[in-house]
Amino acid sequence: MTTPSGAPRGPARLTRRQTLAAATGALAAALPWFAVAAPETAEVESHGVSAFGDLKYAADFRNFDYVDPQSPKGGVFSQVGSVRSYNQNFLTFDSLNGFILRGDAALGIERTFATLMKRAWDEPDALYGLAARAVRISADRRVYRFLLRPEARFHDGSPLTAHDVAFSLNLLKDKGHQLIRQQLREFEGAEAVDDGTLVARFIENRARDVPLYLAELPIFSRAYYSAHSFEESTLAVPLGSGAYKVGRFEAGRYIEYERVNDWWGVDLPVSRGHNNFDVLRYEYYREREAGFQAFTAKNYLFREEFTARVWATRYDFPALRDGRVKREELPDQKMSGAQGWFFNTRRDKFKDRRLREALNYAFDFEWTNKNIMYGAYQRTRSIFENSDMMAAGKPGPDELALLEPFRGKVPDEVFGEPFLPPVSDGSGQDRALLRTATRILQQATS
């Protein structure tokens, strides 16, 4: 892994082969702190969790390396939202309930709720304690016992207890947004042993990331929802426990979140250097062009551009030329996602992999990127793109140990070099690639 000159080097990232090798291990495959033999009922306590790989930060860490713990507090940060989840909408909102299917929820509403743990963005998947100070995990990894911080509070001053967490998790499993319910299908349920201890149970052979997903879900007030319907799409401000609370808003136009000055979690290691603005404001525009024009007129302060044409041709307005607006491309060091066309392999015409391969050779990415995307794109070659987990070279010994039982059941190419998309001459009519596509297509239809 390379880093900019003088920049602190992050932890060594887990490679694809290391991951596969870990999968052949026994007890420590998913949770490496179970490296020592233990009775089946034994629990090991940790300040953080990870589906694979060691935790970077020790139990006594003071803050994440990528933040400035001395960051000044204050000011307003306004934007057109660029990230949404569940029922949130980029263009409008008519609800402050962001965890059900009904309604269009306001962007950022999740900021008003605390979670059991918080993600470290310089590790593949590690979480560290927020409302939970620690977690004890059974040797079979089916039981997670979260130990809560006694200082945790809701915004009305009432204590946040394990009873609230159990209520929240069970409620989301039964009545939450369909995406939440799907992710929690391998979660059996939660119960509070006492005010400070929550027990979460999972099915056998669950996906390794289910407990991590659960630990990042919002914690609701059981008392609040005893008097309010969770399934209702409403603009009533919910009782939260996070670093921000709902401030001024006008449905469909803007919403502000105000920093909670006496927030109970402000000095926790996972919080230092975060939550610096007094007000976070999300602006809404029902049309992209109106949103862009509003930015040029300084109606809001930050914009993340997603349209290659606009990025290449429209950022030449007076405020940018005289330096009042800074235009910058930031390198993305996270594992990237993918966008493109997806084949419905349940349809007979797409079941033959040769047809799909032929279309791949016929598609001229280089021409498309140059003439339509203004050269802004790089082609995705792996579902682990931009990470050390991308396939490289032929399978090694550890990978072969996993693959051998499937020899003859999967394509022979699995045991060779990883597939790389063809690179055209950029003409839009690369005859060599088109001939290859035609030959494969004829084989598929013969």
Protein backbone atom coordinates (compact mmCIF):
# COMPACT_ATOMS: atom_id res chain seq x y z
CA MET A 1 0.00 0.00 0.00
CA THR A 2 1.35 3.42 -0.90
CA THR A 3 0.69 6.64 0.94
CA PRO A 4 1.43 10.27 0.11
CA SER A 5 4.86 11.47 1.15
CA GLY A 6 4.87 12.31 4.83
CA ALA A 7 1.40 10.90 5.44
CA PRO A 8 0.95 8.41 8.27
CA ARG A 9 0.82 4.90 6.98
CA GLY A 10 -2.34 3.03 7.86
CA PRO A 11 -2.57 -0.58 8.94
CA ALA A 12 -1.68 -3.29 6.48
CA ARG A 13 -4.89 -4.17 4.70
CA LEU A 14 -6.01 -7.77 4.61
CA THR A 15 -5.36 -9.26 1.21
CA ARG A 16 -7.62 -11.57 -0.76
CA ARG A 17 -5.32 -14.51 -0.17
CA GLN A 18 -5.01 -13.78 3.52
CA THR A 19 -8.78 -13.70 3.75
CA LEU A 20 -9.10 -17.06 2.03
CA ALA A 21 -6.37 -18.48 4.21
CA ALA A 22 -8.18 -17.25 7.28
CA ALA A 23 -11.32 -19.00 6.09
CA THR A 24 -9.48 -22.33 6.32
CA GLY A 25 -8.65 -21.69 9.95
CA ALA A 26 -10.92 -22.95 12.68
CA LEU A 27 -11.95 -20.81 15.61
CA ALA A 28 -10.38 -17.47 14.72
CA ALA A 29 -11.63 -17.16 11.14
CA ALA A 30 -14.23 -14.49 11.76
CA LEU A 31 -13.06 -13.05 15.04
CA PRO A 32 -9.30 -13.22 15.46
CA TRP A 33 -9.22 -12.51 19.16
CA PHE A 34 -10.46 -16.11 19.70
CA ALA A 35 -6.99 -17.37 18.93
CA VAL A 36 -6.72 -19.30 22.19
CA ALA A 37 -8.62 -22.44 22.99
CA ALA A 38 -11.69 -21.80 25.13
CA PRO A 39 -14.70 -23.73 26.35
CA GLU A 40 -17.76 -23.47 24.14
CA THR A 41 -19.54 -21.30 26.70
CA ALA A 42 -16.60 -18.96 27.32
CA GLU A 43 -16.79 -15.32 26.35
CA VAL A 44 -13.95 -13.01 25.37
CA GLU A 45 -14.32 -9.27 25.98
CA SER A 46 -13.15 -6.73 23.42
CA HIS A 47 -13.42 -2.98 22.92
CA GLY A 48 -14.15 -3.47 19.20
CA VAL A 49 -15.30 -5.98 16.62
CA SER A 50 -14.25 -6.96 13.12
CA ALA A 51 -15.45 -9.69 10.78
CA PHE A 52 -11.86 -10.37 9.75
CA GLY A 53 -8.44 -8.91 10.46
CA ASP A 54 -6.94 -7.62 13.66
CA LEU A 55 -8.16 -4.40 15.24
CA LYS A 56 -5.86 -1.48 14.51
CA TYR A 57 -6.65 0.52 17.63
CA ALA A 58 -5.82 -0.68 21.14
CA ALA A 59 -8.31 -0.50 23.99
CA ASP A 60 -6.76 2.72 25.29
CA PHE A 61 -6.72 4.63 21.97
CA ARG A 62 -7.65 8.32 22.23
CA ASN A 63 -8.93 9.07 18.74
CA PHE A 64 -8.89 7.81 15.18
CA ASP A 65 -5.70 8.67 13.29
CA TYR A 66 -7.54 10.40 10.44
CA VAL A 67 -9.14 13.11 12.61
CA ASP A 68 -7.73 16.19 14.32
CA PRO A 69 -8.82 15.96 17.96
CA GLN A 70 -8.13 19.70 18.31
CA SER A 71 -10.47 20.67 15.48
CA PRO A 72 -12.25 23.96 16.27
CA LYS A 73 -15.98 23.85 16.93
CA GLY A 74 -18.58 26.12 15.37
CA GLY A 75 -20.01 27.32 12.09
CA VAL A 76 -22.55 26.01 9.63
CA PHE A 77 -21.96 23.35 6.98
CA SER A 78 -24.57 23.29 4.21
CA GLN A 79 -24.83 20.89 1.30
CA VAL A 80 -27.04 19.06 -1.13
CA GLY A 81 -26.92 15.55 0.30
CA SER A 82 -24.90 12.96 -1.60
CA VAL A 83 -25.55 9.85 0.51
CA ARG A 84 -28.90 8.32 1.41
CA SER A 85 -30.17 5.18 3.11
CA TYR A 86 -33.44 3.26 3.44
CA ASN A 87 -36.38 5.60 2.65
CA GLN A 88 -34.40 8.84 2.37
CA ASN A 89 -34.80 10.94 -0.76
CA PHE A 90 -32.28 13.27 -2.45
CA LEU A 91 -34.96 15.56 -3.89
CA THR A 92 -37.48 16.10 -1.09
CA PHE A 93 -38.66 14.89 2.31
CA ASP A 94 -41.97 14.61 4.13
CA SER A 95 -40.96 12.50 7.13
CA LEU A 96 -38.49 12.35 9.99
CA ASN A 97 -38.85 8.59 10.33
CA GLY A 98 -35.92 7.24 8.34
CA PHE A 99 -36.13 3.55 9.20
CA ILE A 100 -39.43 2.41 7.68
CA LEU A 101 -40.63 2.04 4.09
CA ARG A 102 -43.32 4.71 4.17
CA GLY A 103 -42.59 8.32 3.32
CA ASP A 104 -39.53 10.18 2.09
CA ALA A 105 -37.25 10.72 5.07
CA ALA A 106 -34.92 13.66 5.59
CA LEU A 107 -31.26 13.10 4.79
CA GLY A 108 -29.05 12.96 7.86
CA ILE A 109 -31.76 11.93 10.33
CA GLU A 110 -29.53 9.03 11.43
CA ARG A 111 -27.17 11.60 12.99
CA THR A 112 -29.67 12.17 15.79
CA PHE A 113 -29.37 8.59 17.10
CA ALA A 114 -26.55 6.88 18.94
CA THR A 115 -25.50 3.35 18.00
CA LEU A 116 -23.82 0.60 19.96
CA MET A 117 -20.56 1.02 18.05
CA LYS A 118 -18.98 3.29 15.46
CA ARG A 119 -17.00 2.45 12.34
CA ALA A 120 -13.31 3.22 11.86
CA TRP A 121 -12.87 4.37 8.27
CA ASP A 122 -9.18 3.46 8.05
CA GLU A 123 -9.90 -0.26 8.53
CA PRO A 124 -11.82 -2.67 6.32
CA ASP A 125 -14.73 -3.18 8.70
CA ALA A 126 -13.76 -2.50 12.33
CA LEU A 127 -16.20 -1.01 14.87
CA TYR A 128 -15.41 0.48 18.29
CA GLY A 129 -17.62 1.23 21.26
CA LEU A 130 -20.00 4.18 21.34
CA ALA A 131 -23.07 3.46 23.49
CA ALA A 132 -21.43 0.12 24.28
CA ARG A 133 -18.12 0.32 26.12
CA ALA A 134 -17.27 -3.29 25.27
CA VAL A 135 -18.68 -6.53 23.88
CA ARG A 136 -18.30 -10.11 25.04
CA ILE A 137 -18.61 -12.73 22.32
CA SER A 138 -19.23 -16.42 22.82
CA ALA A 139 -16.76 -18.90 21.37
CA ASP A 140 -19.34 -20.11 18.82
CA ARG A 141 -19.98 -16.44 17.88
CA ARG A 142 -23.73 -16.82 18.23
CA VAL A 143 -24.09 -14.63 21.35
CA TYR A 144 -22.89 -11.03 21.62
CA ARG A 145 -23.14 -9.46 25.07
CA PHE A 146 -22.87 -5.67 24.83
CA LEU A 147 -21.89 -3.74 27.97
CA LEU A 148 -23.41 -0.26 27.87
CA ARG A 149 -22.01 3.01 29.14
CA PRO A 150 -23.94 4.27 32.19
CA GLU A 151 -23.51 7.88 31.05
CA ALA A 152 -25.44 7.38 27.79
CA ARG A 153 -28.52 9.63 27.63
CA PHE A 154 -31.35 10.60 25.32
CA HIS A 155 -31.78 14.26 24.44
CA ASP A 156 -34.43 14.71 27.15
CA GLY A 157 -31.97 13.58 29.81
CA SER A 158 -33.46 10.12 30.34
CA PRO A 159 -30.95 7.24 30.55
CA LEU A 160 -30.22 5.07 27.51
CA THR A 161 -30.31 1.48 28.77
CA ALA A 162 -30.03 -2.03 27.44
CA HIS A 163 -33.83 -2.20 27.52
CA ASP A 164 -33.94 0.59 24.92
CA VAL A 165 -31.39 -1.23 22.75
CA ALA A 166 -33.25 -4.54 22.92
CA PHE A 167 -36.51 -2.77 22.11
CA SER A 168 -34.90 -1.01 19.12
CA LEU A 169 -33.28 -4.08 17.59
CA ASN A 170 -36.37 -6.26 17.95
CA LEU A 171 -38.55 -3.46 16.59
CA LEU A 172 -36.35 -2.97 13.53
CA LYS A 173 -36.26 -6.73 12.90
CA ASP A 174 -40.07 -6.91 12.96
CA LYS A 175 -41.20 -3.54 11.57
CA GLY A 176 -38.18 -1.76 10.11
CA HIS A 177 -37.48 -0.96 6.48
CA GLN A 178 -37.33 -4.07 4.31
CA LEU A 179 -33.59 -3.64 3.79
CA ILE A 180 -33.07 -3.66 7.55
CA ARG A 181 -35.30 -6.69 8.03
CA GLN A 182 -33.43 -8.53 5.30
CA GLN A 183 -30.06 -7.80 6.91
CA LEU A 184 -31.40 -8.98 10.28
CA ARG A 185 -32.90 -12.26 9.05
CA GLU A 186 -30.04 -14.17 10.74
CA PHE A 187 -30.48 -12.21 13.98
CA GLU A 188 -32.66 -14.22 16.40
CA GLY A 189 -33.43 -11.44 18.85
CA ALA A 190 -32.15 -9.34 21.74
CA GLU A 191 -32.88 -9.14 25.43
CA ALA A 192 -31.76 -6.92 28.29
CA VAL A 193 -30.24 -8.75 31.25
CA ASP A 194 -30.21 -5.50 33.22
CA ASP A 195 -29.90 -1.78 32.44
CA GLY A 196 -26.28 -2.15 31.39
CA THR A 197 -26.17 -5.53 29.63
CA LEU A 198 -27.68 -6.45 26.28
CA VAL A 199 -27.62 -9.97 24.83
CA ALA A 200 -27.99 -10.36 21.05
CA ARG A 201 -28.36 -13.85 19.57
CA PHE A 202 -27.68 -15.02 16.02
CA ILE A 203 -28.43 -18.20 14.11
CA GLU A 204 -25.79 -20.80 13.46
CA ASN A 205 -23.70 -20.30 10.30
CA ARG A 206 -24.77 -16.67 9.98
CA ALA A 207 -23.02 -14.25 7.65
CA ARG A 208 -19.95 -12.86 9.38
CA ASP A 209 -21.00 -9.20 9.03
CA VAL A 210 -24.48 -9.44 10.61
CA PRO A 211 -23.36 -8.47 14.16
CA LEU A 212 -21.47 -5.49 12.74
CA TYR A 213 -24.55 -4.30 10.87
CA LEU A 214 -26.60 -4.65 14.04
CA ALA A 215 -24.09 -2.64 16.08
CA GLU A 216 -24.55 0.36 13.76
CA LEU A 217 -28.34 0.48 13.93
CA PRO A 218 -30.04 3.40 15.73
CA ILE A 219 -31.08 3.16 19.35
CA PHE A 220 -34.62 4.37 20.02
CA SER A 221 -36.27 5.36 23.30
CA ARG A 222 -38.62 2.62 24.45
CA ALA A 223 -40.57 5.18 26.50
CA TYR A 224 -40.98 7.51 23.51
CA TYR A 225 -42.34 4.82 21.21
CA SER A 226 -44.73 3.56 23.87
CA ALA A 227 -46.64 6.77 23.12
CA HIS A 228 -45.83 7.12 19.39
CA SER A 229 -46.31 4.77 16.46
CA PHE A 230 -43.02 3.60 14.95
CA GLU A 231 -44.71 2.65 11.68
CA GLU A 232 -46.05 6.14 11.05
CA SER A 233 -44.54 8.49 8.48
CA THR A 234 -44.45 11.73 10.42
CA LEU A 235 -42.73 15.10 10.76
CA ALA A 236 -42.81 14.84 14.55
CA VAL A 237 -39.23 15.17 15.82
CA PRO A 238 -38.15 11.79 17.28
CA LEU A 239 -36.33 11.56 20.61
CA GLY A 240 -32.71 10.86 19.81
CA SER A 241 -29.45 10.33 21.65
CA GLY A 242 -26.81 11.28 19.05
CA ALA A 243 -24.39 14.15 18.67
CA TYR A 244 -27.00 16.19 16.77
CA LYS A 245 -30.70 16.89 17.16
CA VAL A 246 -33.27 18.19 14.69
CA GLY A 247 -33.37 21.99 14.49
CA ARG A 248 -35.20 24.18 12.01
CA PHE A 249 -36.71 22.60 8.92
CA GLU A 250 -39.23 23.16 6.16
CA ALA A 251 -40.47 19.97 4.57
CA GLY A 252 -39.15 19.55 1.05
CA ARG A 253 -36.85 22.61 1.23
CA TYR A 254 -34.24 22.28 3.98
CA ILE A 255 -33.48 20.70 7.34
CA GLU A 256 -30.91 21.68 9.98
CA TYR A 257 -29.31 19.55 12.66
CA GLU A 258 -27.95 21.33 15.74
CA ARG A 259 -24.96 20.01 17.66
CA VAL A 260 -25.82 18.89 21.20
CA ASN A 261 -23.41 20.90 23.33
CA ASP A 262 -23.66 18.67 26.40
CA TRP A 263 -23.70 15.39 24.50
CA TRP A 264 -22.67 12.48 26.69
CA GLY A 265 -20.37 10.95 24.05
CA VAL A 266 -18.32 14.00 23.13
CA ASP A 267 -15.10 12.83 24.81
CA LEU A 268 -15.18 9.20 23.72
CA PRO A 269 -12.30 8.02 21.49
CA VAL A 270 -14.69 7.36 18.59
CA SER A 271 -16.04 10.93 18.85
CA ARG A 272 -12.95 13.11 19.33
CA GLY A 273 -12.35 15.20 16.23
CA HIS A 274 -15.86 14.56 14.91
CA ASN A 275 -19.10 16.57 15.08
CA ASN A 276 -17.34 19.93 14.78
CA PHE A 277 -19.99 22.09 13.10
CA ASP A 278 -22.67 23.74 15.21
CA VAL A 279 -25.22 23.28 12.43
CA LEU A 280 -25.45 20.78 9.58
CA ARG A 281 -27.89 21.92 6.90
CA TYR A 282 -29.26 19.91 3.96
CA GLU A 283 -30.78 21.82 1.05
CA TYR A 284 -33.32 20.27 -1.33
CA TYR A 285 -33.97 20.97 -5.01
CA ARG A 286 -36.42 19.02 -7.12
CA GLU A 287 -34.22 19.27 -10.22
CA ARG A 288 -30.46 18.87 -10.69
CA GLU A 289 -29.98 22.00 -12.76
CA ALA A 290 -31.71 24.11 -10.13
CA GLY A 291 -29.41 22.61 -7.51
CA PHE A 292 -26.34 23.41 -9.58
CA GLN A 293 -27.42 27.01 -10.18
CA ALA A 294 -28.11 27.42 -6.46
CA PHE A 295 -24.53 26.35 -5.73
CA THR A 296 -23.10 28.92 -8.15
CA ALA A 297 -25.18 31.53 -6.30
CA LYS A 298 -23.77 30.42 -2.91
CA ASN A 299 -27.08 29.08 -1.56
CA TYR A 300 -25.09 26.25 0.01
CA LEU A 301 -21.39 25.60 0.62
CA PHE A 302 -20.50 22.09 -0.49
CA ARG A 303 -21.39 20.07 -3.58
CA GLU A 304 -20.28 16.60 -4.63
CA GLU A 305 -20.61 16.28 -8.38
CA PHE A 306 -21.79 12.97 -9.86
CA THR A 307 -22.30 13.90 -13.51
CA ALA A 308 -19.16 13.68 -15.66
CA ARG A 309 -20.54 16.10 -18.25
CA VAL A 310 -21.27 18.78 -15.65
CA TRP A 311 -17.87 18.30 -13.99
CA ALA A 312 -16.08 18.69 -17.31
CA THR A 313 -18.07 21.54 -18.82
CA ARG A 314 -19.97 23.57 -16.21
CA TYR A 315 -17.43 24.47 -13.54
CA ASP A 316 -16.36 27.75 -15.05
CA PHE A 317 -18.50 30.29 -13.25
CA PRO A 318 -17.26 33.59 -11.71
CA ALA A 319 -17.01 32.37 -8.09
CA LEU A 320 -14.71 29.55 -9.17
CA ARG A 321 -12.54 31.75 -11.37
CA ASP A 322 -11.93 34.30 -8.62
CA GLY A 323 -11.20 31.66 -5.97
CA ARG A 324 -14.37 31.81 -3.87
CA VAL A 325 -15.11 28.22 -4.91
CA LYS A 326 -12.45 25.54 -4.80
CA ARG A 327 -12.74 22.69 -7.31
CA GLU A 328 -10.85 19.58 -6.32
CA GLU A 329 -10.67 15.88 -7.17
CA LEU A 330 -10.01 13.77 -4.11
CA PRO A 331 -8.49 10.29 -4.47
CA ASP A 332 -10.84 7.56 -3.29
CA GLN A 333 -8.94 5.15 -1.09
CA LYS A 334 -11.98 3.06 -0.19
CA MET A 335 -12.97 -0.17 -1.88
CA SER A 336 -15.14 1.07 -4.72
CA GLY A 337 -18.53 -0.09 -5.83
CA ALA A 338 -19.64 -0.66 -9.38
CA GLN A 339 -22.18 0.69 -11.81
CA GLY A 340 -23.16 -0.66 -15.19
CA TRP A 341 -25.59 -3.05 -16.80
CA PHE A 342 -26.67 -6.19 -15.02
CA PHE A 343 -27.98 -9.29 -16.80
CA ASN A 344 -31.08 -11.02 -15.54
CA THR A 345 -29.76 -14.58 -15.63
CA ARG A 346 -33.20 -15.96 -14.81
CA ARG A 347 -34.11 -15.22 -18.43
CA ASP A 348 -33.14 -18.00 -20.82
CA LYS A 349 -31.29 -15.72 -23.24
CA PHE A 350 -28.86 -14.58 -20.54
CA LYS A 351 -28.23 -17.93 -18.86
CA ASP A 352 -25.48 -18.85 -21.31
CA ARG A 353 -22.27 -17.28 -20.03
CA ARG A 354 -20.92 -17.21 -23.61
CA LEU A 355 -23.58 -14.69 -24.57
CA ARG A 356 -22.62 -12.47 -21.68
CA GLU A 357 -18.94 -12.82 -22.57
CA ALA A 358 -19.66 -11.86 -26.19
CA LEU A 359 -21.46 -8.69 -25.11
CA ASN A 360 -18.48 -7.83 -22.91
CA TYR A 361 -16.16 -7.97 -25.93
CA ALA A 362 -18.59 -5.96 -28.05
CA PHE A 363 -18.85 -3.14 -25.53
CA ASP A 364 -16.24 -0.46 -26.24
CA PHE A 365 -15.57 1.03 -22.83
CA GLU A 366 -12.67 3.19 -24.01
CA TRP A 367 -14.77 4.92 -26.67
CA THR A 368 -17.71 5.35 -24.30
CA ASN A 369 -15.55 6.79 -21.54
CA LYS A 370 -13.84 9.26 -23.87
CA ASN A 371 -16.88 10.48 -25.80
CA ILE A 372 -19.71 10.26 -23.26
CA MET A 373 -18.07 10.26 -19.83
CA TYR A 374 -15.35 12.83 -20.59
CA GLY A 375 -12.66 10.38 -19.50
CA ALA A 376 -13.83 10.46 -15.90
CA TYR A 377 -14.27 6.72 -15.38
CA GLN A 378 -12.02 3.73 -14.74
CA ARG A 379 -13.29 0.29 -15.58
CA THR A 380 -14.19 -2.01 -12.69
CA ARG A 381 -12.33 -5.32 -12.80
CA SER A 382 -13.29 -6.81 -9.46
CA ILE A 383 -16.01 -6.71 -6.82
CA PHE A 384 -13.11 -5.77 -4.51
CA GLU A 385 -11.93 -2.93 -6.78
CA ASN A 386 -9.42 -0.49 -5.32
CA SER A 387 -8.35 -2.83 -2.54
CA ASP A 388 -5.69 -5.43 -1.81
CA MET A 389 -8.42 -8.07 -1.98
CA MET A 390 -8.55 -7.88 -5.78
CA ALA A 391 -7.53 -11.10 -7.47
CA ALA A 392 -3.93 -11.09 -8.68
CA GLY A 393 -2.27 -13.98 -10.46
CA LYS A 394 -3.20 -17.64 -10.25
CA PRO A 395 -4.63 -19.03 -7.01
CA GLY A 396 -2.02 -19.75 -4.39
CA PRO A 397 -1.83 -22.82 -2.13
CA ASP A 398 -4.33 -21.53 0.43
CA GLU A 399 -6.80 -20.55 -2.28
CA LEU A 400 -6.40 -23.89 -4.03
CA ALA A 401 -7.19 -25.67 -0.78
CA LEU A 402 -10.58 -23.98 -0.84
CA LEU A 403 -11.14 -24.35 -4.58
CA GLU A 404 -10.14 -27.97 -5.19
CA PRO A 405 -13.44 -29.50 -3.98
CA PHE A 406 -15.17 -27.49 -6.72
CA ARG A 407 -12.92 -28.53 -9.59
CA GLY A 408 -15.10 -29.72 -12.44
CA LYS A 409 -18.12 -27.96 -10.96
CA VAL A 410 -16.94 -24.43 -11.76
CA PRO A 411 -15.33 -23.12 -14.96
CA ASP A 412 -11.67 -24.07 -15.40
CA GLU A 413 -10.83 -20.36 -15.62
CA VAL A 414 -11.31 -20.16 -11.85
CA PHE A 415 -7.97 -21.94 -11.48
CA GLY A 416 -6.13 -19.61 -13.86
CA GLU A 417 -5.36 -15.92 -14.13
CA PRO A 418 -8.20 -13.56 -13.11
CA PHE A 419 -10.37 -12.31 -15.96
CA LEU A 420 -9.60 -8.80 -17.18
CA PRO A 421 -12.01 -6.87 -19.41
CA PRO A 422 -10.78 -6.35 -22.98
CA VAL A 423 -9.21 -2.99 -23.86
CA SER A 424 -10.25 -1.55 -27.21
CA ASP A 425 -8.45 0.86 -29.52
CA GLY A 426 -11.05 3.52 -28.61
CA SER A 427 -12.38 3.82 -32.16
CA GLY A 428 -15.86 2.61 -31.31
CA GLN A 429 -15.47 -0.17 -33.87
CA ASP A 430 -12.49 -2.27 -32.80
CA ARG A 431 -12.72 -5.04 -35.40
CA ALA A 432 -10.54 -7.49 -33.50
CA LEU A 433 -12.80 -7.37 -30.44
CA LEU A 434 -15.94 -7.46 -32.56
CA ARG A 435 -14.69 -10.56 -34.37
CA THR A 436 -14.04 -12.21 -31.00
CA ALA A 437 -17.51 -11.25 -29.82
CA THR A 438 -19.05 -12.65 -33.02
CA ARG A 439 -17.18 -15.94 -32.71
CA ILE A 440 -18.27 -16.43 -29.09
CA LEU A 441 -21.83 -15.48 -29.93
CA GLN A 442 -21.96 -17.99 -32.77
CA GLN A 443 -20.73 -20.70 -30.39
CA ALA A 444 -23.49 -19.76 -27.96
CA THR A 445 -26.22 -19.94 -30.60
CA SER A 446 -25.02 -23.02 -32.49
